[in-house]
Amino acid sequence: MSDWEQLARRLHRGGKWGYYWLSRPGGSASVWWPVDRRPPPPKGVDNAFFGVHPTTQIPPTNSRGQRRAPAHVRSQIPYVAAINCFFAEYDAKHFSGDKARALAHVLSLADLPSAIVDSGGGYHCYWLFDRPFLLRTEQDRARARRLQFDWIVYVGSDPDAKDLTRVLRLPGTRNTKPCYAPDYPIVSFVRADFNCVYTLEALEAQLPARPVQHHLPIFYPPGSDDAAAVYWLHRALDRVAPGTRHGRNGTGFWLACRLRDAGVSRPEADHTLRQYAALVPPSDHPYLESEALHSLASAYSRPSRSLPLFSEAPNHTATPRQERSTQAALLSALRRHDAIPPAEAHALLEAANTLDKPDLLDLLKTLLLSPETSQSHP
């Protein structure tokens, strides 16, 4: 059994489907296959990739929610079935163009990758688990995403290569980026030790502890937590609980807007709105899944916006009373003696910016953020 076959078998445990993603001059295409009947890598196709994590099914729509044939859809987060590794990507360009330095960095890590693949322009690394971590719940999914993100920081790899739907170059194919012409490199294994496996818990223990999050009572910073969809779903269901005044349809649109503004991807939002439709309390007339998806399409057709701190409805303008409450929340945060997580610090800055108070904004930058972070904030 080849190194690629062994790697693929390990990576796709706990799922039903895997796929190749083929990038061609005339366009790209996906080739889906059941994990127990994986076809050999396509011959004569360069710039071929594969989905790192297996899925529960072939997604029925593309990332924009449009129904498409399997050849025109890729993996999406709601359909990821399990993770069997942490992965990382090291491009030579992040090491002053020196591939040898990139590899030296990888080999200096305390936990050596089970497999290292030379991608042509750098290295793809896989830390294999002893058993699959199955994503049965939204909490499992959020944990997997959070740990993968934290692992990228811990091992010092490309911060843009971290999502659970990642595709990486397929060993045995060529990397035909123009910069490598005419001698295009073949993607190949540098290391493959399939007896080198880790428990998820052991690798998790290597990660620095995350600071305790102290979110303000009724604010959720956009993109600050991988569980944003879960949070806003629960908020929406609270709004339509028996005895409340909000309608199911209006709240469906409210939820869709919140997901959009929090940076939740369209596929995740689709999954969340379907959950919402299934969980809303019954009434004298049904609330259909199609109504929820119509709200989603309407919300995602509009540009996202920053979330005002105390806004409870889309396109809501803060009242003077809410502005005073916002200022009180900001002052309360400043009086805290414990460190404020970066996500909340940025959220407070956004609130100060919304209030159009430049002096307060400058003070917050000084008190809440490190010099590096402060410079990166617009």
Protein backbone atom coordinates (compact mmCIF):
# COMPACT_ATOMS: atom_id res chain seq x y z
CA MET A 1 0.00 0.00 0.00
CA SER A 2 1.44 3.37 -1.01
CA ASP A 3 2.06 6.20 1.44
CA TRP A 4 -0.79 8.15 -0.16
CA GLU A 5 -3.23 5.25 0.27
CA GLN A 6 -2.26 4.83 3.91
CA LEU A 7 -2.62 8.55 4.55
CA ALA A 8 -6.02 8.70 2.84
CA ARG A 9 -7.30 5.69 4.82
CA ARG A 10 -6.24 7.33 8.07
CA LEU A 11 -7.64 10.75 7.23
CA HIS A 12 -11.09 9.57 6.11
CA ARG A 13 -12.06 7.36 9.02
CA GLY A 14 -15.46 8.17 10.49
CA GLY A 15 -16.89 9.65 7.28
CA LYS A 16 -18.76 8.48 4.21
CA TRP A 17 -17.43 10.65 1.41
CA GLY A 18 -14.14 12.11 0.21
CA TYR A 19 -13.25 13.97 -2.96
CA TYR A 20 -10.54 15.13 -5.30
CA TRP A 21 -10.61 18.72 -6.44
CA LEU A 22 -9.07 19.15 -9.88
CA SER A 23 -7.96 22.57 -11.05
CA ARG A 24 -7.88 22.75 -14.83
CA PRO A 25 -7.36 25.65 -17.28
CA GLY A 26 -11.00 25.46 -18.34
CA GLY A 27 -12.32 25.39 -14.77
CA SER A 28 -12.25 23.24 -11.65
CA ALA A 29 -14.25 20.13 -10.83
CA SER A 30 -14.83 17.85 -7.84
CA VAL A 31 -14.66 14.07 -8.06
CA TRP A 32 -16.56 12.56 -5.12
CA TRP A 33 -16.14 8.97 -3.90
CA PRO A 34 -17.26 6.77 -0.99
CA VAL A 35 -14.36 6.47 1.45
CA ASP A 36 -14.40 2.67 1.21
CA ARG A 37 -14.20 2.78 -2.60
CA ARG A 38 -11.66 5.51 -3.19
CA PRO A 39 -10.49 5.60 -6.83
CA PRO A 40 -6.80 6.01 -7.65
CA PRO A 41 -5.57 9.57 -8.19
CA PRO A 42 -6.50 10.82 -11.66
CA LYS A 43 -3.77 10.27 -14.24
CA GLY A 44 -2.45 13.12 -16.33
CA VAL A 45 -4.08 15.79 -14.14
CA ASP A 46 -1.86 18.40 -12.56
CA ASN A 47 -2.80 20.77 -9.76
CA ALA A 48 -4.92 18.10 -8.07
CA PHE A 49 -6.06 18.43 -4.46
CA PHE A 50 -8.05 16.34 -1.98
CA GLY A 51 -10.36 17.15 0.92
CA VAL A 52 -8.49 16.58 4.19
CA HIS A 53 -11.56 15.68 6.24
CA PRO A 54 -14.38 13.30 5.21
CA THR A 55 -18.00 14.33 4.92
CA THR A 56 -21.34 12.82 5.87
CA GLN A 57 -22.70 13.34 2.34
CA ILE A 58 -22.08 15.20 -0.88
CA PRO A 59 -23.38 18.73 -0.24
CA PRO A 60 -26.55 19.28 -2.31
CA THR A 61 -25.74 22.95 -2.98
CA ASN A 62 -22.69 25.09 -3.58
CA SER A 63 -21.41 27.59 -1.02
CA ARG A 64 -23.99 30.16 -2.21
CA GLY A 65 -26.88 27.82 -1.54
CA GLN A 66 -27.49 27.06 -5.23
CA ARG A 67 -28.35 23.45 -6.05
CA ARG A 68 -25.57 22.01 -8.18
CA ALA A 69 -24.28 18.66 -9.47
CA PRO A 70 -21.58 16.94 -7.34
CA ALA A 71 -18.86 18.00 -9.79
CA HIS A 72 -19.60 21.62 -8.94
CA VAL A 73 -19.71 21.48 -5.13
CA ARG A 74 -16.95 21.22 -2.57
CA SER A 75 -16.88 20.26 1.09
CA GLN A 76 -18.79 22.53 3.47
CA ILE A 77 -18.44 22.78 7.23
CA PRO A 78 -21.92 21.50 8.20
CA TYR A 79 -21.17 18.26 6.33
CA VAL A 80 -17.72 17.50 7.80
CA ALA A 81 -18.12 14.14 9.55
CA ALA A 82 -14.91 13.79 11.56
CA ILE A 83 -11.35 15.00 11.91
CA ASN A 84 -8.47 12.53 12.04
CA CYS A 85 -5.58 14.96 12.24
CA PHE A 86 -4.40 18.46 12.77
CA PHE A 87 -2.83 19.84 9.60
CA ALA A 88 -0.57 22.76 8.80
CA GLU A 89 0.84 24.37 5.66
CA TYR A 90 4.27 25.97 5.46
CA ASP A 91 5.04 28.03 2.35
CA ALA A 92 8.61 28.99 1.56
CA LYS A 93 7.40 32.57 0.99
CA HIS A 94 6.80 32.83 4.75
CA PHE A 95 10.46 31.90 5.33
CA SER A 96 12.00 34.50 2.99
CA GLY A 97 11.57 32.11 0.07
CA ASP A 98 13.81 29.49 1.70
CA LYS A 99 12.22 26.01 1.65
CA ALA A 100 15.10 24.60 3.69
CA ARG A 101 14.26 27.01 6.52
CA ALA A 102 10.60 25.99 6.34
CA LEU A 103 11.50 22.32 6.66
CA ALA A 104 13.97 23.03 9.46
CA HIS A 105 11.17 24.77 11.34
CA VAL A 106 8.90 21.75 10.92
CA LEU A 107 11.58 19.32 12.08
CA SER A 108 12.28 21.47 15.15
CA LEU A 109 8.71 21.13 16.48
CA ALA A 110 8.28 19.27 19.76
CA ASP A 111 5.60 17.06 18.19
CA LEU A 112 6.85 15.77 14.85
CA PRO A 113 4.18 15.43 12.13
CA SER A 114 3.17 11.87 11.22
CA ALA A 115 3.42 12.83 7.54
CA ILE A 116 5.21 15.66 5.75
CA VAL A 117 4.49 16.29 2.08
CA ASP A 118 6.62 18.52 -0.17
CA SER A 119 4.04 20.55 -2.09
CA GLY A 120 6.56 22.13 -4.43
CA GLY A 121 6.42 25.53 -2.81
CA GLY A 122 6.56 24.36 0.79
CA TYR A 123 5.32 21.59 3.06
CA HIS A 124 1.98 20.14 4.17
CA CYS A 125 2.03 18.44 7.56
CA TYR A 126 -0.37 16.03 9.23
CA TRP A 127 -0.48 15.05 12.91
CA LEU A 128 -2.58 11.88 12.84
CA PHE A 129 -4.94 10.93 15.67
CA ASP A 130 -5.15 7.44 17.10
CA ARG A 131 -8.92 7.49 16.47
CA PRO A 132 -11.41 9.79 14.71
CA PHE A 133 -12.95 12.73 16.50
CA LEU A 134 -16.56 12.48 15.30
CA LEU A 135 -18.46 15.73 14.82
CA ARG A 136 -21.87 14.66 16.12
CA THR A 137 -23.00 18.01 17.54
CA GLU A 138 -22.47 21.69 16.88
CA GLN A 139 -20.35 21.76 20.04
CA ASP A 140 -18.08 19.07 18.56
CA ARG A 141 -17.81 21.09 15.36
CA ALA A 142 -16.97 24.28 17.24
CA ARG A 143 -14.34 22.45 19.30
CA ALA A 144 -12.73 20.96 16.19
CA ARG A 145 -12.53 24.34 14.50
CA ARG A 146 -11.18 26.05 17.60
CA LEU A 147 -8.48 23.42 18.14
CA GLN A 148 -7.40 23.46 14.49
CA PHE A 149 -7.17 27.25 14.58
CA ASP A 150 -5.16 27.17 17.81
CA TRP A 151 -2.89 24.43 16.44
CA ILE A 152 -1.97 26.65 13.48
CA VAL A 153 -0.84 29.34 15.89
CA TYR A 154 1.01 26.85 18.10
CA VAL A 155 3.08 25.31 15.29
CA GLY A 156 3.66 28.62 13.48
CA SER A 157 2.19 27.77 10.10
CA ASP A 158 0.23 29.67 7.46
CA PRO A 159 -2.68 31.35 9.31
CA ASP A 160 -4.80 31.35 6.15
CA ALA A 161 -4.74 27.54 5.85
CA LYS A 162 -6.81 26.36 8.78
CA ASP A 163 -10.45 25.72 7.84
CA LEU A 164 -12.06 22.30 8.22
CA THR A 165 -12.94 22.20 4.53
CA ARG A 166 -9.31 22.57 3.48
CA VAL A 167 -8.04 20.87 0.35
CA LEU A 168 -4.31 20.12 0.09
CA ARG A 169 -2.18 18.98 -2.81
CA LEU A 170 -2.45 15.37 -3.83
CA PRO A 171 0.83 13.41 -3.56
CA GLY A 172 2.03 12.07 -6.87
CA THR A 173 0.72 14.99 -8.95
CA ARG A 174 2.62 18.01 -10.24
CA ASN A 175 2.47 21.59 -9.03
CA THR A 176 2.26 23.55 -12.27
CA LYS A 177 2.26 27.08 -10.96
CA PRO A 178 3.92 29.24 -13.62
CA CYS A 179 6.73 30.23 -11.25
CA TYR A 180 7.97 26.60 -11.24
CA ALA A 181 8.18 26.24 -15.04
CA PRO A 182 9.55 24.38 -16.87
CA ASP A 183 10.55 21.74 -14.31
CA TYR A 184 7.32 21.47 -12.38
CA PRO A 185 7.86 19.73 -9.02
CA ILE A 186 6.07 16.51 -8.12
CA VAL A 187 4.18 16.57 -4.81
CA SER A 188 5.89 13.91 -2.72
CA PHE A 189 6.33 12.56 0.80
CA VAL A 190 9.28 13.72 2.89
CA ARG A 191 8.19 11.73 5.92
CA ALA A 192 5.50 9.09 6.43
CA ASP A 193 5.43 7.33 9.80
CA PHE A 194 1.95 5.92 10.24
CA ASN A 195 2.86 4.48 13.64
CA CYS A 196 3.39 8.04 14.85
CA VAL A 197 -0.09 8.88 16.13
CA TYR A 198 -1.37 11.16 18.86
CA THR A 199 -4.46 11.39 20.99
CA LEU A 200 -6.49 14.52 20.44
CA GLU A 201 -6.30 15.19 24.16
CA ALA A 202 -2.49 15.00 24.19
CA LEU A 203 -2.16 17.51 21.37
CA GLU A 204 -4.80 19.74 22.94
CA ALA A 205 -2.78 19.76 26.16
CA GLN A 206 0.15 21.29 24.25
CA LEU A 207 -1.90 24.35 23.32
CA PRO A 208 -1.70 27.49 25.46
CA ALA A 209 -4.81 27.99 27.55
CA ARG A 210 -7.26 30.40 26.01
CA PRO A 211 -8.14 33.39 28.18
CA VAL A 212 -11.51 33.18 29.88
CA GLN A 213 -14.01 35.02 27.76
CA HIS A 214 -15.92 37.78 29.55
CA HIS A 215 -18.44 38.78 26.93
CA LEU A 216 -20.78 41.62 27.68
CA PRO A 217 -24.24 40.37 28.66
CA ILE A 218 -26.11 40.98 25.42
CA PHE A 219 -23.33 41.33 22.87
CA TYR A 220 -21.64 38.77 20.69
CA PRO A 221 -18.56 40.03 18.82
CA PRO A 222 -18.72 39.24 15.08
CA GLY A 223 -16.40 36.36 14.22
CA SER A 224 -14.94 36.16 17.73
CA ASP A 225 -15.99 32.60 18.44
CA ASP A 226 -16.44 29.48 16.35
CA ALA A 227 -19.84 28.84 17.98
CA ALA A 228 -21.48 32.02 16.63
CA ALA A 229 -24.16 30.06 14.77
CA VAL A 230 -25.10 28.14 17.92
CA TYR A 231 -25.24 31.32 19.98
CA TRP A 232 -27.53 33.17 17.59
CA LEU A 233 -29.77 30.14 17.08
CA HIS A 234 -30.40 30.00 20.83
CA ARG A 235 -31.08 33.73 20.92
CA ALA A 236 -33.60 33.36 18.09
CA LEU A 237 -35.39 30.48 19.81
CA ASP A 238 -35.60 32.57 22.99
CA ARG A 239 -37.26 35.34 20.99
CA VAL A 240 -40.05 33.02 19.76
CA ALA A 241 -40.59 31.10 23.01
CA PRO A 242 -44.26 30.85 24.10
CA GLY A 243 -45.45 34.12 25.59
CA THR A 244 -42.97 36.32 23.72
CA ARG A 245 -43.98 38.99 21.22
CA HIS A 246 -41.69 38.19 18.30
CA GLY A 247 -43.01 36.33 15.26
CA ARG A 248 -41.33 33.26 13.80
CA ASN A 249 -40.88 34.67 10.31
CA GLY A 250 -39.51 38.00 11.45
CA THR A 251 -37.18 36.26 13.86
CA GLY A 252 -36.01 33.97 11.07
CA PHE A 253 -34.89 37.02 9.12
CA TRP A 254 -33.39 38.53 12.30
CA LEU A 255 -31.41 35.31 12.81
CA ALA A 256 -30.21 35.26 9.20
CA CYS A 257 -28.99 38.86 9.51
CA ARG A 258 -27.19 38.07 12.74
CA LEU A 259 -25.43 35.08 11.17
CA ARG A 260 -24.42 37.18 8.17
CA ASP A 261 -23.04 39.98 10.33
CA ALA A 262 -21.16 37.55 12.58
CA GLY A 263 -19.26 36.22 9.57
CA VAL A 264 -20.98 32.82 9.49
CA SER A 265 -20.54 31.17 6.09
CA ARG A 266 -23.56 30.67 3.87
CA PRO A 267 -23.50 26.83 4.22
CA GLU A 268 -23.37 27.08 8.01
CA ALA A 269 -26.13 29.65 8.00
CA ASP A 270 -28.23 27.36 5.79
CA HIS A 271 -27.78 24.55 8.30
CA THR A 272 -28.66 26.87 11.21
CA LEU A 273 -31.84 28.20 9.56
CA ARG A 274 -32.98 24.64 8.88
CA GLN A 275 -32.43 23.89 12.58
CA TYR A 276 -34.39 27.00 13.50
CA ALA A 277 -37.33 25.94 11.31
CA ALA A 278 -37.35 22.51 12.95
CA LEU A 279 -37.17 23.86 16.52
CA VAL A 280 -39.56 26.84 16.56
CA PRO A 281 -42.65 26.29 18.74
CA PRO A 282 -45.78 25.11 16.89
CA SER A 283 -48.61 27.53 16.17
CA ASP A 284 -51.97 27.53 14.41
CA HIS A 285 -50.18 27.47 11.07
CA PRO A 286 -46.93 25.77 10.11
CA TYR A 287 -43.62 27.55 9.76
CA LEU A 288 -41.96 25.99 6.73
CA GLU A 289 -38.28 25.38 6.15
CA SER A 290 -38.70 27.15 2.82
CA GLU A 291 -39.72 30.31 4.68
CA ALA A 292 -36.54 30.17 6.76
CA LEU A 293 -34.38 29.67 3.68
CA HIS A 294 -36.14 32.55 1.92
CA SER A 295 -35.18 34.77 4.88
CA LEU A 296 -31.62 33.49 4.61
CA ALA A 297 -31.41 34.28 0.90
CA SER A 298 -32.79 37.76 1.49
CA ALA A 299 -30.35 38.51 4.34
CA TYR A 300 -27.27 37.17 2.55
CA SER A 301 -28.10 39.13 -0.61
CA ARG A 302 -27.30 42.29 1.34
CA PRO A 303 -23.85 43.41 2.57
CA SER A 304 -22.93 42.53 6.14
CA ARG A 305 -22.57 45.26 8.69
CA SER A 306 -20.93 45.66 12.08
CA LEU A 307 -23.20 44.66 14.91
CA PRO A 308 -24.23 47.58 17.12
CA LEU A 309 -23.69 46.67 20.73
CA PHE A 310 -27.31 46.80 21.84
CA SER A 311 -29.17 46.24 18.57
CA GLU A 312 -31.99 43.68 18.80
CA ALA A 313 -33.30 43.98 15.24
CA PRO A 314 -31.79 44.40 11.77
CA ASN A 315 -31.16 48.01 10.72
CA HIS A 316 -31.86 49.16 14.27
CA THR A 317 -30.62 52.61 15.29
CA ALA A 318 -29.46 52.97 18.88
CA THR A 319 -31.53 55.30 21.04
CA PRO A 320 -29.91 57.81 23.41
CA ARG A 321 -30.73 55.47 26.29
CA GLN A 322 -28.97 52.60 24.53
CA GLU A 323 -25.99 54.84 23.80
CA ARG A 324 -25.74 55.61 27.52
CA SER A 325 -25.92 51.89 28.24
CA THR A 326 -23.15 51.28 25.73
CA GLN A 327 -20.92 53.86 27.39
CA ALA A 328 -21.62 52.30 30.77
CA ALA A 329 -20.61 48.90 29.42
CA LEU A 330 -17.39 50.36 28.06
CA LEU A 331 -16.53 52.00 31.38
CA SER A 332 -17.30 48.77 33.22
CA ALA A 333 -14.89 46.92 30.97
CA LEU A 334 -12.18 49.49 31.66
CA ARG A 335 -12.58 49.04 35.41
CA ARG A 336 -11.96 45.29 35.22
CA HIS A 337 -8.62 44.13 36.56
CA ASP A 338 -8.42 40.98 34.41
CA ALA A 339 -7.22 41.01 30.82
CA ILE A 340 -9.86 41.51 28.15
CA PRO A 341 -9.69 39.00 25.28
CA PRO A 342 -8.70 40.54 21.92
CA ALA A 343 -12.06 39.76 20.34
CA GLU A 344 -13.92 41.67 23.04
CA ALA A 345 -11.39 44.50 22.91
CA HIS A 346 -12.04 44.93 19.19
CA ALA A 347 -15.78 44.76 19.83
CA LEU A 348 -15.53 47.56 22.38
CA LEU A 349 -13.57 49.62 19.90
CA GLU A 350 -16.32 49.09 17.33
CA ALA A 351 -18.87 50.27 19.89
CA ALA A 352 -16.86 53.42 20.62
CA ASN A 353 -16.51 54.04 16.92
CA THR A 354 -20.28 53.69 16.50
CA LEU A 355 -20.80 56.34 19.17
CA ASP A 356 -18.52 58.68 17.19
CA LYS A 357 -16.38 59.50 20.21
CA PRO A 358 -12.77 59.74 18.98
CA ASP A 359 -11.35 60.57 22.43
CA LEU A 360 -12.91 57.45 23.90
CA LEU A 361 -11.68 55.44 20.92
CA ASP A 362 -8.08 56.58 21.45
CA LEU A 363 -8.32 55.83 25.18
CA LEU A 364 -9.61 52.34 24.49
CA LYS A 365 -6.82 51.67 22.03
CA THR A 366 -4.30 52.65 24.68
CA LEU A 367 -5.84 50.66 27.52
CA LEU A 368 -7.22 47.56 25.80
CA LEU A 369 -4.81 46.68 23.05
CA SER A 370 -1.13 45.91 22.75
CA PRO A 371 0.79 48.30 20.46
CA GLU A 372 0.86 45.68 17.68
CA THR A 373 -2.85 44.95 17.90
CA SER A 374 -3.72 48.62 18.17
CA GLN A 375 -1.89 49.37 14.93
CA SER A 376 -3.70 46.58 13.14
CA HIS A 377 -7.12 47.90 14.13
CA PRO A 378 -8.52 50.40 11.63
